Amino acid sequence: MDASDQSKLSLTERRKETTRLEISHRAAELFSDAQAESVTADSIAKASGVGLRTFYRYFRTKEDAIAPLLENGVGDWLNLIESTPASVSIGVTLEQAARRSFTELRTSTENVALVRRLLRVVVHDPALLNVWLRVVNDTEIKLISVLETRMRPGTDPLEIQLFAVAANTAQRMAISAWVHGAEPESAENEPVDIAVRCLRILTAGLDTDAHA
């Protein structure tokens, strides 16, 4: 959940969201530092300073606890797309959002190293990978809703879905390059450039000038 959403919550809801994110942070640390099978809901709860019953009020399984941390960056990216003026073409909007999100990722230190460590572990554990793929799928669904408000009335719903799939896939591939790669030796290997290149390839043939 991003800052703009948090501002709309009541004090009780904000406290719950803070607790949820704290548990997620501790879960990510444990999964990043140990074998997944050795991490338990109880160990996550203890590291978070909450009881096991409290943990299960927030999460169904131990693996689900990593979702909020992964969703945070996604929310920021969607906000960048949604806040771009409608006069800007959708193609430019998606590229600008990709560039800004990765620029902010580069300059931010909060949670960035942890997310990178976590995602390097996620791909080797089916249960954790399932959570990450669920976050990716949920992002695509949310992105369709965002694009529906930005593209011109009457735009073919299939084209909106294709834009969402293209943007989501490009971002996911760029994140994968950032997570698993070493520091790039050339600009063309920068994650943001991978995202933009993928966007252009995947949206070729679509009306990238379409806007509301």
N, C-alpha and C. Protein backbone atom coordinates (compact mmCIF):
# COMPACT_ATOMS: atom_id res chain seq x y z
N MET A 1 0.85 -1.20 0.00
CA MET A 1 0.00 0.00 0.00
C MET A 1 0.88 1.24 0.00
N ASP A 2 0.55 2.22 -0.88
CA ASP A 2 1.38 3.42 -1.00
C ASP A 2 0.90 4.51 -0.05
N ALA A 3 1.66 5.59 0.00
CA ALA A 3 1.40 6.66 0.96
C ALA A 3 0.04 7.32 0.74
N SER A 4 -0.37 7.51 -0.52
CA SER A 4 -1.65 8.16 -0.79
C SER A 4 -2.81 7.33 -0.29
N ASP A 5 -2.70 6.00 -0.41
CA ASP A 5 -3.75 5.13 0.09
C ASP A 5 -3.77 5.15 1.62
N GLN A 6 -2.58 5.16 2.22
CA GLN A 6 -2.50 5.16 3.67
C GLN A 6 -3.15 6.41 4.27
N SER A 7 -3.05 7.54 3.58
CA SER A 7 -3.60 8.79 4.11
C SER A 7 -5.12 8.74 4.21
N LYS A 8 -5.76 7.83 3.47
CA LYS A 8 -7.21 7.72 3.47
C LYS A 8 -7.71 6.78 4.57
N LEU A 9 -6.80 6.09 5.24
CA LEU A 9 -7.19 5.11 6.23
C LEU A 9 -7.41 5.77 7.59
N SER A 10 -8.23 5.13 8.41
CA SER A 10 -8.43 5.58 9.78
C SER A 10 -7.18 5.26 10.58
N LEU A 11 -7.08 5.83 11.79
CA LEU A 11 -5.92 5.58 12.64
C LEU A 11 -5.77 4.08 12.91
N THR A 12 -6.87 3.40 13.20
CA THR A 12 -6.83 1.96 13.47
C THR A 12 -6.35 1.19 12.25
N GLU A 13 -6.84 1.58 11.08
CA GLU A 13 -6.44 0.90 9.85
C GLU A 13 -4.97 1.14 9.54
N ARG A 14 -4.50 2.38 9.82
CA ARG A 14 -3.08 2.68 9.59
C ARG A 14 -2.19 1.86 10.51
N ARG A 15 -2.63 1.68 11.74
CA ARG A 15 -1.85 0.86 12.68
C ARG A 15 -1.80 -0.58 12.20
N LYS A 16 -2.93 -1.07 11.71
CA LYS A 16 -2.97 -2.44 11.19
C LYS A 16 -2.05 -2.59 9.99
N GLU A 17 -2.06 -1.57 9.13
CA GLU A 17 -1.21 -1.62 7.95
C GLU A 17 0.27 -1.55 8.34
N THR A 18 0.59 -0.76 9.36
CA THR A 18 1.96 -0.69 9.85
C THR A 18 2.41 -2.04 10.39
N THR A 19 1.53 -2.69 11.14
CA THR A 19 1.85 -4.02 11.68
C THR A 19 2.03 -5.02 10.55
N ARG A 20 1.15 -4.95 9.58
CA ARG A 20 1.22 -5.87 8.43
C ARG A 20 2.55 -5.71 7.69
N LEU A 21 2.98 -4.48 7.47
CA LEU A 21 4.24 -4.23 6.77
C LEU A 21 5.45 -4.64 7.62
N GLU A 22 5.35 -4.44 8.93
CA GLU A 22 6.43 -4.85 9.82
C GLU A 22 6.60 -6.36 9.79
N ILE A 23 5.49 -7.09 9.84
CA ILE A 23 5.57 -8.55 9.76
C ILE A 23 6.16 -8.97 8.42
N SER A 24 5.74 -8.31 7.35
CA SER A 24 6.24 -8.63 6.02
C SER A 24 7.75 -8.40 5.93
N HIS A 25 8.20 -7.29 6.52
CA HIS A 25 9.63 -6.97 6.51
C HIS A 25 10.43 -8.05 7.23
N ARG A 26 9.95 -8.46 8.40
CA ARG A 26 10.66 -9.50 9.18
C ARG A 26 10.63 -10.83 8.45
N ALA A 27 9.51 -11.14 7.80
CA ALA A 27 9.42 -12.39 7.04
C ALA A 27 10.43 -12.39 5.90
N ALA A 28 10.54 -11.27 5.21
CA ALA A 28 11.50 -11.17 4.11
C ALA A 28 12.93 -11.36 4.60
N GLU A 29 13.25 -10.78 5.74
CA GLU A 29 14.59 -10.94 6.31
C GLU A 29 14.87 -12.40 6.62
N LEU A 30 13.91 -13.08 7.23
CA LEU A 30 14.12 -14.48 7.60
C LEU A 30 14.25 -15.36 6.36
N PHE A 31 13.38 -15.16 5.39
CA PHE A 31 13.45 -15.97 4.17
C PHE A 31 14.73 -15.70 3.39
N SER A 32 15.23 -14.47 3.47
CA SER A 32 16.45 -14.12 2.74
C SER A 32 17.70 -14.69 3.40
N ASP A 33 17.64 -14.91 4.71
CA ASP A 33 18.83 -15.31 5.47
C ASP A 33 18.87 -16.80 5.80
N ALA A 34 17.78 -17.52 5.54
CA ALA A 34 17.74 -18.93 5.93
C ALA A 34 17.01 -19.75 4.88
N GLN A 35 17.13 -21.07 4.97
CA GLN A 35 16.38 -21.96 4.09
C GLN A 35 14.90 -21.78 4.37
N ALA A 36 14.08 -21.71 3.32
CA ALA A 36 12.66 -21.43 3.49
C ALA A 36 11.98 -22.43 4.41
N GLU A 37 12.39 -23.69 4.33
CA GLU A 37 11.74 -24.70 5.16
C GLU A 37 12.01 -24.50 6.65
N SER A 38 13.09 -23.80 6.98
CA SER A 38 13.40 -23.56 8.39
C SER A 38 12.67 -22.35 8.96
N VAL A 39 12.05 -21.56 8.08
CA VAL A 39 11.29 -20.40 8.52
C VAL A 39 9.86 -20.84 8.82
N THR A 40 9.34 -20.46 9.96
CA THR A 40 7.98 -20.83 10.33
C THR A 40 7.16 -19.57 10.62
N ALA A 41 5.85 -19.75 10.65
CA ALA A 41 4.98 -18.62 11.01
C ALA A 41 5.32 -18.14 12.41
N ASP A 42 5.64 -19.08 13.29
CA ASP A 42 5.98 -18.72 14.66
C ASP A 42 7.27 -17.90 14.72
N SER A 43 8.27 -18.28 13.93
CA SER A 43 9.53 -17.53 13.95
C SER A 43 9.34 -16.13 13.37
N ILE A 44 8.47 -16.01 12.37
CA ILE A 44 8.18 -14.68 11.82
C ILE A 44 7.46 -13.83 12.86
N ALA A 45 6.49 -14.43 13.54
CA ALA A 45 5.73 -13.71 14.56
C ALA A 45 6.65 -13.22 15.67
N LYS A 46 7.53 -14.09 16.14
CA LYS A 46 8.46 -13.71 17.21
C LYS A 46 9.38 -12.59 16.76
N ALA A 47 9.89 -12.66 15.54
CA ALA A 47 10.78 -11.62 15.03
C ALA A 47 10.04 -10.29 14.89
N SER A 48 8.73 -10.36 14.69
CA SER A 48 7.92 -9.15 14.51
C SER A 48 7.38 -8.60 15.83
N GLY A 49 7.55 -9.38 16.90
CA GLY A 49 7.05 -8.94 18.20
C GLY A 49 5.56 -9.09 18.35
N VAL A 50 4.96 -10.04 17.61
CA VAL A 50 3.53 -10.29 17.74
C VAL A 50 3.31 -11.76 18.06
N GLY A 51 2.10 -12.09 18.51
CA GLY A 51 1.76 -13.47 18.79
C GLY A 51 1.40 -14.22 17.52
N LEU A 52 1.41 -15.52 17.59
CA LEU A 52 1.10 -16.34 16.42
C LEU A 52 -0.33 -16.11 15.94
N ARG A 53 -1.25 -15.93 16.89
CA ARG A 53 -2.64 -15.67 16.51
C ARG A 53 -2.76 -14.36 15.74
N THR A 54 -1.96 -13.37 16.15
CA THR A 54 -1.96 -12.09 15.43
C THR A 54 -1.43 -12.28 14.02
N PHE A 55 -0.36 -13.07 13.91
CA PHE A 55 0.18 -13.35 12.57
C PHE A 55 -0.90 -13.90 11.66
N TYR A 56 -1.66 -14.87 12.13
CA TYR A 56 -2.66 -15.51 11.29
C TYR A 56 -3.89 -14.63 11.05
N ARG A 57 -4.03 -13.56 11.79
CA ARG A 57 -5.07 -12.59 11.46
C ARG A 57 -4.72 -11.80 10.21
N TYR A 58 -3.42 -11.70 9.95
CA TYR A 58 -2.96 -10.95 8.79
C TYR A 58 -2.64 -11.83 7.58
N PHE A 59 -2.13 -13.02 7.83
CA PHE A 59 -1.66 -13.86 6.73
C PHE A 59 -2.14 -15.31 6.90
N ARG A 60 -2.48 -15.92 5.78
CA ARG A 60 -2.96 -17.29 5.79
C ARG A 60 -1.82 -18.29 5.95
N THR A 61 -0.67 -17.98 5.31
CA THR A 61 0.50 -18.87 5.39
C THR A 61 1.75 -18.04 5.65
N LYS A 62 2.83 -18.71 5.99
CA LYS A 62 4.09 -17.99 6.22
C LYS A 62 4.57 -17.31 4.95
N GLU A 63 4.35 -17.97 3.80
CA GLU A 63 4.81 -17.40 2.53
C GLU A 63 4.04 -16.14 2.16
N ASP A 64 2.75 -16.10 2.50
CA ASP A 64 1.94 -14.92 2.17
C ASP A 64 2.49 -13.65 2.80
N ALA A 65 3.26 -13.81 3.86
CA ALA A 65 3.76 -12.64 4.59
C ALA A 65 4.72 -11.77 3.77
N ILE A 66 5.29 -12.30 2.69
CA ILE A 66 6.22 -11.49 1.91
C ILE A 66 5.48 -10.55 0.94
N ALA A 67 4.19 -10.79 0.72
CA ALA A 67 3.46 -10.05 -0.31
C ALA A 67 3.44 -8.53 -0.09
N PRO A 68 3.14 -8.03 1.12
CA PRO A 68 3.07 -6.57 1.28
C PRO A 68 4.35 -5.84 0.88
N LEU A 69 5.50 -6.41 1.20
CA LEU A 69 6.76 -5.77 0.85
C LEU A 69 6.91 -5.70 -0.67
N LEU A 70 6.52 -6.76 -1.36
CA LEU A 70 6.63 -6.79 -2.81
C LEU A 70 5.60 -5.87 -3.46
N GLU A 71 4.45 -5.72 -2.83
CA GLU A 71 3.39 -4.89 -3.40
C GLU A 71 3.69 -3.40 -3.29
N ASN A 72 4.51 -3.01 -2.36
CA ASN A 72 4.79 -1.58 -2.14
C ASN A 72 5.33 -0.89 -3.38
N GLY A 73 6.37 -1.50 -3.98
CA GLY A 73 6.96 -0.91 -5.18
C GLY A 73 6.00 -0.89 -6.34
N VAL A 74 5.17 -1.93 -6.43
CA VAL A 74 4.18 -2.01 -7.49
C VAL A 74 3.19 -0.85 -7.38
N GLY A 75 2.76 -0.56 -6.16
CA GLY A 75 1.82 0.53 -5.95
C GLY A 75 2.38 1.86 -6.39
N ASP A 76 3.66 2.08 -6.13
CA ASP A 76 4.31 3.33 -6.55
C ASP A 76 4.32 3.45 -8.07
N TRP A 77 4.60 2.34 -8.74
CA TRP A 77 4.65 2.33 -10.21
C TRP A 77 3.27 2.63 -10.80
N LEU A 78 2.23 2.03 -10.26
CA LEU A 78 0.88 2.27 -10.74
C LEU A 78 0.47 3.73 -10.52
N ASN A 79 0.89 4.29 -9.38
CA ASN A 79 0.58 5.69 -9.10
C ASN A 79 1.24 6.63 -10.11
N LEU A 80 2.46 6.29 -10.51
CA LEU A 80 3.16 7.11 -11.50
C LEU A 80 2.40 7.12 -12.82
N ILE A 81 1.87 5.97 -13.21
CA ILE A 81 1.09 5.89 -14.45
C ILE A 81 -0.21 6.67 -14.32
N GLU A 82 -0.88 6.48 -13.20
CA GLU A 82 -2.19 7.10 -13.00
C GLU A 82 -2.09 8.62 -12.87
N SER A 83 -0.98 9.12 -12.33
CA SER A 83 -0.85 10.56 -12.09
C SER A 83 -0.30 11.32 -13.29
N THR A 84 0.12 10.61 -14.34
CA THR A 84 0.60 11.30 -15.55
C THR A 84 -0.58 11.96 -16.25
N PRO A 85 -0.44 13.21 -16.69
CA PRO A 85 -1.55 13.90 -17.37
C PRO A 85 -2.12 13.08 -18.53
N ALA A 86 -3.44 13.11 -18.67
CA ALA A 86 -4.11 12.33 -19.71
C ALA A 86 -3.71 12.77 -21.12
N SER A 87 -3.17 13.99 -21.25
CA SER A 87 -2.76 14.48 -22.56
C SER A 87 -1.51 13.77 -23.08
N VAL A 88 -0.80 13.09 -22.19
CA VAL A 88 0.41 12.36 -22.58
C VAL A 88 -0.01 11.00 -23.14
N SER A 89 0.55 10.62 -24.28
CA SER A 89 0.18 9.35 -24.90
C SER A 89 0.48 8.19 -23.97
N ILE A 90 -0.24 7.10 -24.13
CA ILE A 90 -0.07 5.96 -23.24
C ILE A 90 1.31 5.34 -23.40
N GLY A 91 1.85 5.34 -24.61
CA GLY A 91 3.18 4.80 -24.81
C GLY A 91 4.23 5.58 -24.03
N VAL A 92 4.15 6.91 -24.13
CA VAL A 92 5.09 7.77 -23.40
C VAL A 92 4.86 7.65 -21.89
N THR A 93 3.60 7.57 -21.50
CA THR A 93 3.26 7.42 -20.08
C THR A 93 3.92 6.19 -19.47
N LEU A 94 3.81 5.06 -20.16
CA LEU A 94 4.37 3.82 -19.64
C LEU A 94 5.89 3.88 -19.58
N GLU A 95 6.50 4.48 -20.60
CA GLU A 95 7.96 4.59 -20.59
C GLU A 95 8.44 5.53 -19.47
N GLN A 96 7.76 6.65 -19.31
CA GLN A 96 8.14 7.59 -18.25
C GLN A 96 7.99 6.95 -16.87
N ALA A 97 6.91 6.20 -16.67
CA ALA A 97 6.69 5.55 -15.38
C ALA A 97 7.78 4.52 -15.11
N ALA A 98 8.18 3.78 -16.15
CA ALA A 98 9.25 2.80 -15.98
C ALA A 98 10.56 3.50 -15.60
N ARG A 99 10.88 4.58 -16.31
CA ARG A 99 12.13 5.29 -16.02
C ARG A 99 12.12 5.89 -14.61
N ARG A 100 11.00 6.50 -14.22
CA ARG A 100 10.93 7.11 -12.90
C ARG A 100 10.98 6.07 -11.79
N SER A 101 10.30 4.95 -12.00
CA SER A 101 10.27 3.94 -10.94
C SER A 101 11.65 3.35 -10.71
N PHE A 102 12.40 3.11 -11.78
CA PHE A 102 13.74 2.55 -11.61
C PHE A 102 14.74 3.59 -11.14
N THR A 103 14.52 4.85 -11.51
CA THR A 103 15.38 5.92 -10.99
C THR A 103 15.20 6.04 -9.48
N GLU A 104 13.94 5.99 -9.04
CA GLU A 104 13.67 6.07 -7.61
C GLU A 104 14.20 4.84 -6.89
N LEU A 105 14.14 3.69 -7.56
CA LEU A 105 14.67 2.46 -6.97
C LEU A 105 16.17 2.60 -6.75
N ARG A 106 16.86 3.20 -7.72
CA ARG A 106 18.31 3.37 -7.62
C ARG A 106 18.70 4.32 -6.48
N THR A 107 17.88 5.35 -6.28
CA THR A 107 18.26 6.37 -5.30
C THR A 107 17.71 6.08 -3.90
N SER A 108 16.79 5.13 -3.81
CA SER A 108 16.20 4.80 -2.51
C SER A 108 16.99 3.68 -1.86
N THR A 109 17.17 3.79 -0.54
CA THR A 109 17.89 2.73 0.17
C THR A 109 16.94 1.90 1.03
N GLU A 110 15.76 2.46 1.32
CA GLU A 110 14.82 1.78 2.20
C GLU A 110 14.25 0.52 1.55
N ASN A 111 14.55 -0.61 2.12
CA ASN A 111 14.02 -1.90 1.71
C ASN A 111 14.56 -2.43 0.38
N VAL A 112 15.29 -1.61 -0.38
CA VAL A 112 15.71 -2.02 -1.71
C VAL A 112 16.62 -3.26 -1.66
N ALA A 113 17.64 -3.20 -0.80
CA ALA A 113 18.56 -4.34 -0.71
C ALA A 113 17.82 -5.60 -0.25
N LEU A 114 16.89 -5.42 0.67
CA LEU A 114 16.13 -6.56 1.18
C LEU A 114 15.27 -7.18 0.09
N VAL A 115 14.59 -6.37 -0.69
CA VAL A 115 13.76 -6.88 -1.77
C VAL A 115 14.60 -7.64 -2.79
N ARG A 116 15.77 -7.10 -3.08
CA ARG A 116 16.64 -7.78 -4.05
C ARG A 116 17.09 -9.14 -3.52
N ARG A 117 17.47 -9.20 -2.24
CA ARG A 117 17.87 -10.47 -1.63
C ARG A 117 16.70 -11.45 -1.62
N LEU A 118 15.53 -10.94 -1.29
CA LEU A 118 14.35 -11.80 -1.21
C LEU A 118 14.01 -12.40 -2.56
N LEU A 119 13.99 -11.58 -3.61
CA LEU A 119 13.63 -12.08 -4.92
C LEU A 119 14.65 -13.08 -5.47
N ARG A 120 15.89 -12.96 -5.02
CA ARG A 120 16.88 -13.96 -5.43
C ARG A 120 16.59 -15.32 -4.81
N VAL A 121 15.92 -15.31 -3.65
CA VAL A 121 15.54 -16.55 -2.97
C VAL A 121 14.23 -17.09 -3.52
N VAL A 122 13.32 -16.19 -3.85
CA VAL A 122 11.97 -16.56 -4.25
C VAL A 122 11.96 -17.54 -5.43
N VAL A 123 12.81 -17.30 -6.40
CA VAL A 123 12.79 -18.13 -7.62
C VAL A 123 13.17 -19.58 -7.36
N HIS A 124 13.74 -19.86 -6.21
CA HIS A 124 14.18 -21.23 -5.90
C HIS A 124 13.20 -21.96 -4.98
N ASP A 125 12.13 -21.29 -4.58
CA ASP A 125 11.16 -21.93 -3.70
C ASP A 125 9.76 -21.81 -4.30
N PRO A 126 9.12 -22.93 -4.65
CA PRO A 126 7.82 -22.88 -5.33
C PRO A 126 6.74 -22.11 -4.58
N ALA A 127 6.68 -22.26 -3.26
CA ALA A 127 5.64 -21.59 -2.49
C ALA A 127 5.85 -20.08 -2.48
N LEU A 128 7.09 -19.63 -2.32
CA LEU A 128 7.39 -18.20 -2.36
C LEU A 128 7.19 -17.65 -3.78
N LEU A 129 7.60 -18.43 -4.77
CA LEU A 129 7.43 -18.00 -6.16
C LEU A 129 5.95 -17.82 -6.49
N ASN A 130 5.12 -18.67 -5.94
CA ASN A 130 3.68 -18.56 -6.18
C ASN A 130 3.14 -17.24 -5.65
N VAL A 131 3.66 -16.79 -4.51
CA VAL A 131 3.24 -15.50 -3.96
C VAL A 131 3.67 -14.37 -4.88
N TRP A 132 4.91 -14.41 -5.35
CA TRP A 132 5.42 -13.37 -6.27
C TRP A 132 4.60 -13.34 -7.56
N LEU A 133 4.27 -14.50 -8.10
CA LEU A 133 3.49 -14.54 -9.34
C LEU A 133 2.07 -14.02 -9.11
N ARG A 134 1.55 -14.25 -7.91
CA ARG A 134 0.23 -13.71 -7.58
C ARG A 134 0.28 -12.19 -7.54
N VAL A 135 1.36 -11.64 -6.97
CA VAL A 135 1.53 -10.18 -6.94
C VAL A 135 1.61 -9.64 -8.37
N VAL A 136 2.35 -10.33 -9.23
CA VAL A 136 2.48 -9.93 -10.63
C VAL A 136 1.13 -9.95 -11.32
N ASN A 137 0.35 -11.02 -11.09
CA ASN A 137 -0.97 -11.13 -11.72
C ASN A 137 -1.92 -10.06 -11.21
N ASP A 138 -1.90 -9.81 -9.90
CA ASP A 138 -2.76 -8.77 -9.33
C ASP A 138 -2.41 -7.40 -9.89
N THR A 139 -1.11 -7.19 -10.12
CA THR A 139 -0.65 -5.92 -10.70
C THR A 139 -1.25 -5.71 -12.08
N GLU A 140 -1.26 -6.78 -12.86
CA GLU A 140 -1.81 -6.70 -14.21
C GLU A 140 -3.29 -6.33 -14.18
N ILE A 141 -4.02 -6.91 -13.26
CA ILE A 141 -5.45 -6.62 -13.13
C ILE A 141 -5.66 -5.16 -12.74
N LYS A 142 -4.86 -4.67 -11.78
CA LYS A 142 -4.96 -3.27 -11.36
C LYS A 142 -4.56 -2.33 -12.50
N LEU A 143 -3.55 -2.73 -13.27
CA LEU A 143 -3.09 -1.89 -14.36
C LEU A 143 -4.15 -1.74 -15.44
N ILE A 144 -4.92 -2.80 -15.68
CA ILE A 144 -6.01 -2.71 -16.65
C ILE A 144 -7.00 -1.63 -16.22
N SER A 145 -7.32 -1.60 -14.94
CA SER A 145 -8.26 -0.59 -14.42
C SER A 145 -7.69 0.82 -14.58
N VAL A 146 -6.39 0.97 -14.31
CA VAL A 146 -5.75 2.29 -14.46
C VAL A 146 -5.77 2.73 -15.91
N LEU A 147 -5.44 1.81 -16.82
CA LEU A 147 -5.39 2.17 -18.24
C LEU A 147 -6.78 2.47 -18.81
N GLU A 148 -7.80 1.83 -18.27
CA GLU A 148 -9.17 2.09 -18.73
C GLU A 148 -9.55 3.55 -18.54
N THR A 149 -9.01 4.17 -17.50
CA THR A 149 -9.33 5.57 -17.23
C THR A 149 -8.46 6.53 -18.04
N ARG A 150 -7.39 6.02 -18.64
CA ARG A 150 -6.44 6.89 -19.34
C ARG A 150 -6.59 6.82 -20.85
N MET A 151 -7.07 5.72 -21.37
CA MET A 151 -7.16 5.57 -22.81
C MET A 151 -8.49 6.13 -23.31
N ARG A 152 -8.51 6.54 -24.57
CA ARG A 152 -9.69 7.23 -25.11
C ARG A 152 -10.93 6.35 -25.03
N PRO A 153 -12.08 6.98 -24.77
CA PRO A 153 -13.33 6.22 -24.71
C PRO A 153 -13.55 5.42 -26.00
N GLY A 154 -14.00 4.20 -25.84
CA GLY A 154 -14.25 3.35 -27.00
C GLY A 154 -13.06 2.51 -27.42
N THR A 155 -11.92 2.66 -26.70
CA THR A 155 -10.76 1.83 -27.02
C THR A 155 -11.12 0.36 -26.83
N ASP A 156 -10.71 -0.46 -27.77
CA ASP A 156 -10.97 -1.91 -27.70
C ASP A 156 -10.44 -2.46 -26.37
N PRO A 157 -11.29 -3.11 -25.57
CA PRO A 157 -10.83 -3.69 -24.29
C PRO A 157 -9.64 -4.63 -24.46
N LEU A 158 -9.60 -5.32 -25.59
CA LEU A 158 -8.48 -6.23 -25.83
C LEU A 158 -7.17 -5.45 -25.94
N GLU A 159 -7.23 -4.27 -26.56
CA GLU A 159 -6.02 -3.45 -26.69
C GLU A 159 -5.56 -2.95 -25.33
N ILE A 160 -6.52 -2.59 -24.46
CA ILE A 160 -6.18 -2.16 -23.10
C ILE A 160 -5.48 -3.30 -22.36
N GLN A 161 -6.03 -4.51 -22.48
CA GLN A 161 -5.43 -5.67 -21.82
C GLN A 161 -4.02 -5.95 -22.35
N LEU A 162 -3.85 -5.77 -23.68
CA LEU A 162 -2.54 -6.01 -24.27
C LEU A 162 -1.52 -5.00 -23.76
N PHE A 163 -1.93 -3.73 -23.62
CA PHE A 163 -1.03 -2.74 -23.05
C PHE A 163 -0.64 -3.13 -21.63
N ALA A 164 -1.62 -3.59 -20.86
CA ALA A 164 -1.34 -3.97 -19.47
C ALA A 164 -0.38 -5.15 -19.42
N VAL A 165 -0.61 -6.14 -20.26
CA VAL A 165 0.28 -7.31 -20.30
C VAL A 165 1.69 -6.89 -20.71
N ALA A 166 1.78 -6.03 -21.74
CA ALA A 166 3.09 -5.58 -22.22
C ALA A 166 3.84 -4.81 -21.14
N ALA A 167 3.16 -3.86 -20.50
CA ALA A 167 3.82 -3.04 -19.48
C ALA A 167 4.22 -3.89 -18.28
N ASN A 168 3.35 -4.78 -17.87
CA ASN A 168 3.64 -5.62 -16.71
C ASN A 168 4.79 -6.58 -17.00
N THR A 169 4.79 -7.15 -18.19
CA THR A 169 5.87 -8.07 -18.58
C THR A 169 7.20 -7.34 -18.68
N ALA A 170 7.19 -6.16 -19.29
CA ALA A 170 8.42 -5.38 -19.41
C ALA A 170 8.99 -5.04 -18.04
N GLN A 171 8.11 -4.62 -17.13
CA GLN A 171 8.56 -4.27 -15.79
C GLN A 171 9.11 -5.49 -15.05
N ARG A 172 8.43 -6.62 -15.21
CA ARG A 172 8.87 -7.86 -14.54
C ARG A 172 10.23 -8.30 -15.06
N MET A 173 10.45 -8.21 -16.37
CA MET A 173 11.73 -8.61 -16.94
C MET A 173 12.85 -7.68 -16.47
N ALA A 174 12.52 -6.40 -16.36
CA ALA A 174 13.51 -5.43 -15.88
C ALA A 174 13.87 -5.68 -14.42
N ILE A 175 12.86 -6.00 -13.62
CA ILE A 175 13.10 -6.32 -12.22
C ILE A 175 13.97 -7.56 -12.10
N SER A 176 13.68 -8.56 -12.95
CA SER A 176 14.48 -9.78 -12.93
C SER A 176 15.94 -9.49 -13.27
N ALA A 177 16.15 -8.61 -14.26
CA ALA A 177 17.52 -8.24 -14.63
C ALA A 177 18.21 -7.52 -13.48
N TRP A 178 17.47 -6.67 -12.78
CA TRP A 178 18.03 -5.94 -11.63
C TRP A 178 18.35 -6.89 -10.49
N VAL A 179 17.48 -7.84 -10.25
CA VAL A 179 17.65 -8.77 -9.13
C VAL A 179 18.80 -9.73 -9.36
N HIS A 180 18.86 -10.31 -10.55
CA HIS A 180 19.80 -11.41 -10.78
C HIS A 180 21.09 -11.00 -11.47
N GLY A 181 21.13 -9.79 -12.00
CA GLY A 181 22.33 -9.37 -12.69
C GLY A 181 23.31 -8.64 -11.80
N ALA A 182 24.54 -8.55 -12.30
CA ALA A 182 25.53 -7.74 -11.61
C ALA A 182 25.30 -6.29 -12.03
N GLU A 183 26.08 -5.39 -11.51
CA GLU A 183 25.96 -4.01 -11.94
C GLU A 183 26.26 -3.94 -13.44
N PRO A 184 25.39 -3.29 -14.23
CA PRO A 184 25.57 -3.27 -15.68
C PRO A 184 26.85 -2.57 -16.10
N GLU A 185 27.44 -3.09 -17.19
CA GLU A 185 28.67 -2.51 -17.71
C GLU A 185 28.38 -1.45 -18.76
N SER A 186 27.17 -1.45 -19.28
CA SER A 186 26.81 -0.46 -20.29
C SER A 186 25.38 -0.03 -20.08
N ALA A 187 25.03 1.12 -20.63
CA ALA A 187 23.71 1.69 -20.42
C ALA A 187 22.61 0.78 -20.92
N GLU A 188 22.84 0.06 -22.02
CA GLU A 188 21.79 -0.77 -22.61
C GLU A 188 21.43 -1.96 -21.72
N ASN A 189 22.26 -2.23 -20.73
CA ASN A 189 21.97 -3.31 -19.80
C ASN A 189 21.32 -2.83 -18.51
N GLU A 190 21.07 -1.52 -18.42
CA GLU A 190 20.38 -0.98 -17.26
C GLU A 190 18.96 -1.54 -17.23
N PRO A 191 18.43 -1.91 -16.06
CA PRO A 191 17.07 -2.43 -15.98
C PRO A 191 16.04 -1.52 -16.64
N VAL A 192 16.17 -0.19 -16.45
CA VAL A 192 15.18 0.72 -17.03
C VAL A 192 15.20 0.64 -18.55
N ASP A 193 16.39 0.48 -19.13
CA ASP A 193 16.47 0.38 -20.58
C ASP A 193 15.92 -0.94 -21.09
N ILE A 194 16.06 -1.99 -20.27
CA ILE A 194 15.45 -3.27 -20.61
C ILE A 194 13.93 -3.12 -20.61
N ALA A 195 13.40 -2.43 -19.59
CA ALA A 195 11.95 -2.22 -19.51
C ALA A 195 11.43 -1.45 -20.71
N VAL A 196 12.10 -0.37 -21.08
CA VAL A 196 11.67 0.45 -22.20
C VAL A 196 11.78 -0.32 -23.51
N ARG A 197 12.88 -1.05 -23.68
CA ARG A 197 13.05 -1.84 -24.91
C ARG A 197 11.95 -2.89 -25.05
N CYS A 198 11.65 -3.56 -23.94
CA CYS A 198 10.58 -4.57 -23.95
C CYS A 198 9.23 -3.94 -24.25
N LEU A 199 8.98 -2.78 -23.65
CA LEU A 199 7.72 -2.08 -23.90
C LEU A 199 7.55 -1.78 -25.38
N ARG A 200 8.59 -1.27 -25.99
CA ARG A 200 8.50 -0.89 -27.40
C ARG A 200 8.28 -2.10 -28.30
N ILE A 201 8.94 -3.19 -27.96
CA ILE A 201 8.77 -4.42 -28.74
C ILE A 201 7.37 -4.99 -28.56
N LEU A 202 6.92 -5.05 -27.30
CA LEU A 202 5.65 -5.69 -27.00
C LEU A 202 4.43 -4.86 -27.41
N THR A 203 4.60 -3.53 -27.54
CA THR A 203 3.47 -2.69 -27.95
C THR A 203 3.52 -2.32 -29.43
N ALA A 204 4.49 -2.88 -30.15
CA ALA A 204 4.56 -2.61 -31.59
C ALA A 204 3.26 -3.08 -32.23
N GLY A 205 2.64 -2.18 -33.02
CA GLY A 205 1.38 -2.53 -33.66
C GLY A 205 0.18 -2.03 -32.87
N LEU A 206 0.38 -1.65 -31.60
CA LEU A 206 -0.71 -1.07 -30.83
C LEU A 206 -0.70 0.44 -30.98
N ASP A 207 -1.83 1.06 -30.71
CA ASP A 207 -1.95 2.53 -30.85
C ASP A 207 -1.37 3.17 -29.60
N THR A 208 -0.05 3.43 -29.59
CA THR A 208 0.59 4.00 -28.42
C THR A 208 0.26 5.47 -28.22
N ASP A 209 -0.46 6.08 -29.17
CA ASP A 209 -0.87 7.48 -29.01
C ASP A 209 -2.25 7.57 -28.36
N ALA A 210 -2.86 6.42 -28.09
CA ALA A 210 -4.21 6.43 -27.53
C ALA A 210 -4.21 7.04 -26.14
N HIS A 211 -5.08 8.01 -25.91
CA HIS A 211 -5.22 8.59 -24.58
C HIS A 211 -6.64 9.11 -24.44
N ALA A 212 -6.99 9.41 -23.16
CA ALA A 212 -8.36 9.85 -22.91
C ALA A 212 -8.63 11.21 -23.54
